[in-house]
Amino acid sequence: MSDVTTRRDFEGKVIWVTGASGALGHATATLLAQRGATVVASARSIEKSEFPGLSVDRLPVDVTDDGDVRRGFDTLFARHGRIDAVVTSTNVSTFGEFIDLSDDDWLTVIQAKLLGSVRPVRAALPALLAQQSGPLC
């Protein structure tokens, strides 16, 4: 059986990974790049993330800002001319007991995790549908 990182089954695919400076997003972006994808790795502070030996396009995007997400997608599309998939892996460090979290805490989580996933998918969906790419096509 071949090692998962030596397979090239994402060759020629452009995949946008948000939250790529976090542990899960970084691991996902790394594996996709190792498997041949052109990875566009996004986070607010993506320039600090390292992808040694891999060709990963870094794109600073704040998923809590819809305008920034749309500008980010426009930049991605201008650079690569297509999009084949979106992986949302945004996280936020708001933790606590359910009863202790304030409405502001919950809104921070909703902005980052829920809407932080909705916004990139919504920005990319017209192109995905036009190309007949992604799981919905």
N, C-alpha and C. Protein backbone atom coordinates (compact mmCIF):
# COMPACT_ATOMS: atom_id res chain seq x y z
N MET A 1 0.84 -1.18 0.00
CA MET A 1 0.00 0.00 0.00
C MET A 1 0.89 1.25 0.00
N SER A 2 0.54 2.22 -0.82
CA SER A 2 1.35 3.44 -0.91
C SER A 2 1.10 4.36 0.27
N ASP A 3 2.11 5.11 0.60
CA ASP A 3 1.99 6.11 1.65
C ASP A 3 1.03 7.21 1.19
N VAL A 4 0.17 7.65 2.10
CA VAL A 4 -0.86 8.63 1.74
C VAL A 4 -0.27 9.93 1.19
N THR A 5 0.92 10.29 1.63
CA THR A 5 1.52 11.55 1.17
C THR A 5 2.19 11.43 -0.19
N THR A 6 2.37 10.22 -0.71
CA THR A 6 2.99 10.08 -2.03
C THR A 6 1.96 10.00 -3.14
N ARG A 7 0.71 9.80 -2.80
CA ARG A 7 -0.33 9.78 -3.83
C ARG A 7 -0.52 11.19 -4.35
N ARG A 8 -0.86 11.31 -5.62
CA ARG A 8 -1.01 12.62 -6.26
C ARG A 8 -2.43 12.79 -6.77
N ASP A 9 -3.42 12.36 -5.98
CA ASP A 9 -4.80 12.35 -6.46
C ASP A 9 -5.48 13.72 -6.45
N PHE A 10 -4.77 14.76 -6.02
CA PHE A 10 -5.33 16.11 -6.09
C PHE A 10 -4.57 16.98 -7.10
N GLU A 11 -3.77 16.36 -7.91
CA GLU A 11 -2.99 17.06 -8.94
C GLU A 11 -3.92 17.89 -9.82
N GLY A 12 -3.56 19.15 -10.03
CA GLY A 12 -4.34 20.02 -10.90
C GLY A 12 -5.55 20.66 -10.25
N LYS A 13 -5.79 20.36 -8.98
CA LYS A 13 -6.93 20.93 -8.26
C LYS A 13 -6.48 22.15 -7.45
N VAL A 14 -7.31 23.18 -7.44
CA VAL A 14 -7.07 24.36 -6.61
C VAL A 14 -8.02 24.27 -5.43
N ILE A 15 -7.45 24.20 -4.23
CA ILE A 15 -8.25 24.01 -3.02
C ILE A 15 -7.93 25.13 -2.04
N TRP A 16 -8.98 25.80 -1.60
CA TRP A 16 -8.87 26.90 -0.63
C TRP A 16 -9.08 26.32 0.76
N VAL A 17 -8.09 26.49 1.65
CA VAL A 17 -8.18 26.03 3.03
C VAL A 17 -8.16 27.25 3.94
N THR A 18 -9.28 27.50 4.62
CA THR A 18 -9.32 28.60 5.58
C THR A 18 -8.91 28.06 6.95
N GLY A 19 -8.47 28.96 7.82
CA GLY A 19 -8.00 28.54 9.13
C GLY A 19 -6.70 27.76 9.05
N ALA A 20 -5.90 28.03 8.02
CA ALA A 20 -4.70 27.24 7.76
C ALA A 20 -3.54 27.54 8.71
N SER A 21 -3.70 28.50 9.60
CA SER A 21 -2.65 28.72 10.60
C SER A 21 -2.92 27.92 11.86
N GLY A 22 -4.11 27.35 11.99
CA GLY A 22 -4.43 26.48 13.12
C GLY A 22 -3.97 25.06 12.86
N ALA A 23 -3.97 24.25 13.88
CA ALA A 23 -3.43 22.89 13.78
C ALA A 23 -4.13 22.05 12.71
N LEU A 24 -5.45 21.99 12.74
CA LEU A 24 -6.19 21.16 11.79
C LEU A 24 -6.11 21.73 10.37
N GLY A 25 -6.30 23.03 10.22
CA GLY A 25 -6.21 23.65 8.90
C GLY A 25 -4.83 23.52 8.30
N HIS A 26 -3.80 23.69 9.12
CA HIS A 26 -2.42 23.57 8.66
C HIS A 26 -2.14 22.14 8.20
N ALA A 27 -2.58 21.16 8.99
CA ALA A 27 -2.37 19.75 8.62
C ALA A 27 -3.11 19.41 7.33
N THR A 28 -4.32 19.93 7.17
CA THR A 28 -5.10 19.68 5.96
C THR A 28 -4.42 20.30 4.75
N ALA A 29 -4.01 21.56 4.87
CA ALA A 29 -3.34 22.23 3.76
C ALA A 29 -2.05 21.52 3.39
N THR A 30 -1.31 21.08 4.38
CA THR A 30 -0.05 20.37 4.13
C THR A 30 -0.30 19.06 3.37
N LEU A 31 -1.25 18.27 3.85
CA LEU A 31 -1.53 16.99 3.20
C LEU A 31 -2.04 17.18 1.77
N LEU A 32 -2.93 18.14 1.56
CA LEU A 32 -3.43 18.39 0.21
C LEU A 32 -2.30 18.82 -0.73
N ALA A 33 -1.40 19.66 -0.25
CA ALA A 33 -0.25 20.09 -1.07
C ALA A 33 0.66 18.90 -1.37
N GLN A 34 0.89 18.05 -0.37
CA GLN A 34 1.72 16.87 -0.59
C GLN A 34 1.09 15.93 -1.61
N ARG A 35 -0.23 15.95 -1.69
CA ARG A 35 -0.93 15.06 -2.62
C ARG A 35 -1.24 15.74 -3.95
N GLY A 36 -0.57 16.87 -4.22
CA GLY A 36 -0.59 17.46 -5.55
C GLY A 36 -1.48 18.65 -5.75
N ALA A 37 -2.27 19.04 -4.76
CA ALA A 37 -3.17 20.18 -4.93
C ALA A 37 -2.40 21.49 -4.94
N THR A 38 -2.94 22.46 -5.65
CA THR A 38 -2.51 23.84 -5.49
C THR A 38 -3.34 24.36 -4.33
N VAL A 39 -2.69 24.56 -3.19
CA VAL A 39 -3.39 24.96 -1.97
C VAL A 39 -3.28 26.46 -1.78
N VAL A 40 -4.42 27.09 -1.54
CA VAL A 40 -4.46 28.48 -1.15
C VAL A 40 -4.82 28.47 0.33
N ALA A 41 -3.83 28.77 1.17
CA ALA A 41 -3.98 28.70 2.62
C ALA A 41 -4.30 30.08 3.16
N SER A 42 -5.44 30.17 3.86
CA SER A 42 -5.89 31.46 4.39
C SER A 42 -5.99 31.42 5.91
N ALA A 43 -5.72 32.57 6.48
CA ALA A 43 -5.93 32.86 7.90
C ALA A 43 -5.63 34.35 8.06
N ARG A 44 -6.00 34.89 9.19
CA ARG A 44 -5.68 36.31 9.42
C ARG A 44 -4.18 36.52 9.44
N SER A 45 -3.43 35.56 9.99
CA SER A 45 -1.98 35.72 10.13
C SER A 45 -1.24 34.60 9.40
N ILE A 46 -1.65 34.32 8.21
CA ILE A 46 -1.07 33.21 7.45
C ILE A 46 0.39 33.40 7.13
N GLU A 47 0.86 34.63 7.05
CA GLU A 47 2.26 34.85 6.73
C GLU A 47 3.18 34.25 7.80
N LYS A 48 2.66 33.96 8.99
CA LYS A 48 3.45 33.36 10.05
C LYS A 48 3.48 31.84 9.95
N SER A 49 2.62 31.27 9.15
CA SER A 49 2.56 29.81 9.02
C SER A 49 3.65 29.32 8.08
N GLU A 50 4.17 28.18 8.39
CA GLU A 50 5.24 27.59 7.59
C GLU A 50 4.74 26.33 6.89
N PHE A 51 5.13 26.19 5.66
CA PHE A 51 4.85 24.99 4.87
C PHE A 51 6.16 24.58 4.20
N PRO A 52 7.12 24.08 4.98
CA PRO A 52 8.45 23.81 4.43
C PRO A 52 8.42 22.81 3.28
N GLY A 53 9.10 23.18 2.21
CA GLY A 53 9.23 22.31 1.06
C GLY A 53 7.99 22.16 0.20
N LEU A 54 6.94 22.91 0.53
CA LEU A 54 5.69 22.79 -0.23
C LEU A 54 5.36 24.10 -0.92
N SER A 55 4.74 23.98 -2.06
CA SER A 55 4.29 25.16 -2.78
C SER A 55 2.86 25.46 -2.34
N VAL A 56 2.73 26.37 -1.40
CA VAL A 56 1.44 26.76 -0.86
C VAL A 56 1.29 28.27 -1.03
N ASP A 57 0.20 28.68 -1.64
CA ASP A 57 -0.10 30.10 -1.82
C ASP A 57 -0.75 30.61 -0.54
N ARG A 58 -0.12 31.58 0.09
CA ARG A 58 -0.66 32.15 1.33
C ARG A 58 -1.52 33.36 0.99
N LEU A 59 -2.70 33.42 1.62
CA LEU A 59 -3.63 34.51 1.34
C LEU A 59 -4.27 34.96 2.65
N PRO A 60 -3.83 36.10 3.20
CA PRO A 60 -4.43 36.59 4.44
C PRO A 60 -5.91 36.93 4.22
N VAL A 61 -6.77 36.32 5.02
CA VAL A 61 -8.22 36.57 4.96
C VAL A 61 -8.77 36.45 6.37
N ASP A 62 -9.61 37.41 6.72
CA ASP A 62 -10.33 37.39 8.00
C ASP A 62 -11.76 36.91 7.72
N VAL A 63 -12.07 35.67 8.11
CA VAL A 63 -13.38 35.10 7.78
C VAL A 63 -14.52 35.73 8.58
N THR A 64 -14.21 36.59 9.54
CA THR A 64 -15.28 37.28 10.25
C THR A 64 -15.74 38.54 9.51
N ASP A 65 -15.10 38.83 8.38
CA ASP A 65 -15.42 40.01 7.58
C ASP A 65 -15.81 39.55 6.17
N ASP A 66 -17.09 39.64 5.84
CA ASP A 66 -17.58 39.16 4.55
C ASP A 66 -16.87 39.84 3.37
N GLY A 67 -16.63 41.13 3.47
CA GLY A 67 -15.93 41.84 2.40
C GLY A 67 -14.52 41.32 2.20
N ASP A 68 -13.83 41.02 3.30
CA ASP A 68 -12.48 40.49 3.21
C ASP A 68 -12.48 39.10 2.57
N VAL A 69 -13.48 38.29 2.92
CA VAL A 69 -13.60 36.95 2.32
C VAL A 69 -13.84 37.06 0.82
N ARG A 70 -14.73 37.95 0.41
CA ARG A 70 -15.01 38.10 -1.03
C ARG A 70 -13.79 38.64 -1.79
N ARG A 71 -13.09 39.60 -1.19
CA ARG A 71 -11.85 40.10 -1.81
C ARG A 71 -10.81 38.98 -1.88
N GLY A 72 -10.73 38.18 -0.82
CA GLY A 72 -9.80 37.05 -0.81
C GLY A 72 -10.11 36.06 -1.92
N PHE A 73 -11.39 35.73 -2.09
CA PHE A 73 -11.76 34.81 -3.16
C PHE A 73 -11.43 35.42 -4.52
N ASP A 74 -11.73 36.70 -4.70
CA ASP A 74 -11.41 37.35 -5.98
C ASP A 74 -9.92 37.27 -6.28
N THR A 75 -9.09 37.46 -5.25
CA THR A 75 -7.64 37.36 -5.41
C THR A 75 -7.25 35.93 -5.77
N LEU A 76 -7.80 34.96 -5.06
CA LEU A 76 -7.53 33.55 -5.35
C LEU A 76 -7.88 33.23 -6.80
N PHE A 77 -9.05 33.64 -7.24
CA PHE A 77 -9.51 33.32 -8.59
C PHE A 77 -8.66 34.03 -9.64
N ALA A 78 -8.25 35.26 -9.35
CA ALA A 78 -7.39 35.98 -10.29
C ALA A 78 -6.02 35.30 -10.42
N ARG A 79 -5.51 34.79 -9.33
CA ARG A 79 -4.20 34.12 -9.34
C ARG A 79 -4.24 32.76 -10.03
N HIS A 80 -5.33 32.01 -9.81
CA HIS A 80 -5.35 30.60 -10.23
C HIS A 80 -6.37 30.28 -11.33
N GLY A 81 -7.32 31.18 -11.55
CA GLY A 81 -8.27 31.00 -12.64
C GLY A 81 -9.34 29.93 -12.42
N ARG A 82 -9.35 29.33 -11.24
CA ARG A 82 -10.34 28.30 -10.94
C ARG A 82 -10.34 28.01 -9.44
N ILE A 83 -11.34 27.25 -9.02
CA ILE A 83 -11.43 26.75 -7.65
C ILE A 83 -12.11 25.38 -7.75
N ASP A 84 -11.56 24.40 -7.06
CA ASP A 84 -12.12 23.05 -7.12
C ASP A 84 -12.73 22.58 -5.81
N ALA A 85 -12.33 23.20 -4.70
CA ALA A 85 -12.89 22.81 -3.41
C ALA A 85 -12.55 23.87 -2.38
N VAL A 86 -13.35 23.90 -1.31
CA VAL A 86 -13.11 24.79 -0.18
C VAL A 86 -13.14 23.93 1.07
N VAL A 87 -12.11 24.07 1.90
CA VAL A 87 -12.07 23.41 3.20
C VAL A 87 -12.08 24.52 4.25
N THR A 88 -13.10 24.53 5.09
CA THR A 88 -13.16 25.54 6.15
C THR A 88 -12.74 24.89 7.46
N SER A 89 -11.76 25.51 8.09
CA SER A 89 -11.22 24.95 9.33
C SER A 89 -10.94 26.06 10.32
N THR A 90 -11.83 27.01 10.37
CA THR A 90 -11.63 28.16 11.24
C THR A 90 -11.99 27.81 12.68
N ASN A 91 -11.21 28.31 13.59
CA ASN A 91 -11.45 28.06 15.00
C ASN A 91 -11.32 29.37 15.76
N VAL A 92 -11.74 29.35 17.00
CA VAL A 92 -11.64 30.52 17.86
C VAL A 92 -11.38 30.02 19.28
N SER A 93 -10.62 30.77 20.03
CA SER A 93 -10.24 30.31 21.37
C SER A 93 -11.18 30.85 22.44
N THR A 94 -12.47 30.73 22.22
CA THR A 94 -13.45 31.10 23.24
C THR A 94 -13.98 29.81 23.83
N PHE A 95 -13.60 29.55 25.06
CA PHE A 95 -13.99 28.32 25.74
C PHE A 95 -14.58 28.66 27.10
N GLY A 96 -15.30 27.75 27.67
CA GLY A 96 -15.83 27.94 29.00
C GLY A 96 -17.03 27.05 29.24
N GLU A 97 -17.51 27.12 30.44
CA GLU A 97 -18.72 26.38 30.78
C GLU A 97 -19.91 27.01 30.07
N PHE A 98 -20.81 26.19 29.61
CA PHE A 98 -21.99 26.65 28.87
C PHE A 98 -22.69 27.79 29.59
N ILE A 99 -22.93 27.62 30.85
CA ILE A 99 -23.70 28.61 31.62
C ILE A 99 -22.91 29.90 31.85
N ASP A 100 -21.59 29.82 31.74
CA ASP A 100 -20.75 30.98 32.01
C ASP A 100 -20.46 31.83 30.78
N LEU A 101 -20.65 31.28 29.57
CA LEU A 101 -20.35 32.04 28.36
C LEU A 101 -21.41 33.12 28.14
N SER A 102 -20.95 34.32 27.86
CA SER A 102 -21.85 35.45 27.63
C SER A 102 -22.37 35.43 26.19
N ASP A 103 -23.36 36.26 25.92
CA ASP A 103 -23.83 36.40 24.54
C ASP A 103 -22.70 36.86 23.63
N ASP A 104 -21.85 37.75 24.10
CA ASP A 104 -20.72 38.20 23.28
C ASP A 104 -19.77 37.05 22.97
N ASP A 105 -19.54 36.17 23.96
CA ASP A 105 -18.72 34.99 23.71
C ASP A 105 -19.34 34.13 22.61
N TRP A 106 -20.63 33.88 22.70
CA TRP A 106 -21.33 33.06 21.71
C TRP A 106 -21.30 33.72 20.33
N LEU A 107 -21.47 35.03 20.28
CA LEU A 107 -21.42 35.73 19.00
C LEU A 107 -20.02 35.64 18.37
N THR A 108 -18.98 35.68 19.18
CA THR A 108 -17.63 35.51 18.67
C THR A 108 -17.46 34.13 18.04
N VAL A 109 -17.97 33.11 18.70
CA VAL A 109 -17.90 31.74 18.19
C VAL A 109 -18.70 31.62 16.89
N ILE A 110 -19.90 32.18 16.86
CA ILE A 110 -20.75 32.12 15.66
C ILE A 110 -20.08 32.83 14.49
N GLN A 111 -19.51 34.01 14.75
CA GLN A 111 -18.83 34.76 13.68
C GLN A 111 -17.67 33.96 13.09
N ALA A 112 -16.88 33.33 13.96
CA ALA A 112 -15.69 32.62 13.47
C ALA A 112 -16.00 31.24 12.92
N LYS A 113 -16.76 30.46 13.65
CA LYS A 113 -16.95 29.06 13.25
C LYS A 113 -18.09 28.88 12.25
N LEU A 114 -19.26 29.41 12.55
CA LEU A 114 -20.40 29.21 11.65
C LEU A 114 -20.28 30.11 10.42
N LEU A 115 -20.32 31.41 10.63
CA LEU A 115 -20.26 32.32 9.48
C LEU A 115 -18.88 32.30 8.83
N GLY A 116 -17.85 31.94 9.59
CA GLY A 116 -16.52 31.79 9.03
C GLY A 116 -16.41 30.62 8.08
N SER A 117 -17.37 29.71 8.13
CA SER A 117 -17.45 28.62 7.16
C SER A 117 -18.41 28.97 6.03
N VAL A 118 -19.50 29.64 6.37
CA VAL A 118 -20.51 30.01 5.36
C VAL A 118 -19.91 30.99 4.34
N ARG A 119 -19.20 31.99 4.81
CA ARG A 119 -18.72 33.05 3.91
C ARG A 119 -17.80 32.55 2.79
N PRO A 120 -16.77 31.75 3.09
CA PRO A 120 -15.91 31.27 1.99
C PRO A 120 -16.65 30.36 1.00
N VAL A 121 -17.52 29.51 1.52
CA VAL A 121 -18.29 28.64 0.62
C VAL A 121 -19.20 29.48 -0.26
N ARG A 122 -19.86 30.45 0.34
CA ARG A 122 -20.76 31.33 -0.43
C ARG A 122 -19.98 32.11 -1.49
N ALA A 123 -18.77 32.54 -1.17
CA ALA A 123 -17.96 33.29 -2.14
C ALA A 123 -17.52 32.40 -3.30
N ALA A 124 -17.20 31.14 -3.02
CA ALA A 124 -16.67 30.23 -4.04
C ALA A 124 -17.77 29.50 -4.81
N LEU A 125 -18.95 29.40 -4.25
CA LEU A 125 -19.99 28.56 -4.84
C LEU A 125 -20.34 28.89 -6.29
N PRO A 126 -20.49 30.16 -6.68
CA PRO A 126 -20.79 30.42 -8.09
C PRO A 126 -19.73 29.85 -9.04
N ALA A 127 -18.46 29.99 -8.69
CA ALA A 127 -17.40 29.45 -9.54
C ALA A 127 -17.41 27.93 -9.53
N LEU A 128 -17.62 27.32 -8.36
CA LEU A 128 -17.69 25.86 -8.27
C LEU A 128 -18.82 25.31 -9.15
N LEU A 129 -19.96 25.96 -9.09
CA LEU A 129 -21.10 25.51 -9.90
C LEU A 129 -20.84 25.72 -11.39
N ALA A 130 -20.25 26.86 -11.74
CA ALA A 130 -19.95 27.13 -13.15
C ALA A 130 -18.95 26.12 -13.72
N GLN A 131 -17.99 25.70 -12.90
CA GLN A 131 -16.98 24.74 -13.33
C GLN A 131 -17.44 23.30 -13.16
N GLN A 132 -18.57 23.13 -12.51
CA GLN A 132 -19.05 21.79 -12.13
C GLN A 132 -18.01 21.06 -11.30
N SER A 133 -17.51 21.77 -10.26
CA SER A 133 -16.53 21.23 -9.33
C SER A 133 -17.14 21.17 -7.94
N GLY A 134 -16.54 20.37 -7.10
CA GLY A 134 -16.96 20.31 -5.72
C GLY A 134 -18.05 19.27 -5.51
N PRO A 135 -18.39 19.04 -4.25
CA PRO A 135 -19.30 17.95 -3.91
C PRO A 135 -20.76 18.19 -4.32
N LEU A 136 -21.11 19.44 -4.62
CA LEU A 136 -22.50 19.72 -4.97
C LEU A 136 -22.78 19.47 -6.45
N CYS A 137 -21.74 19.27 -7.24
CA CYS A 137 -21.91 19.16 -8.69
C CYS A 137 -21.80 17.73 -9.16
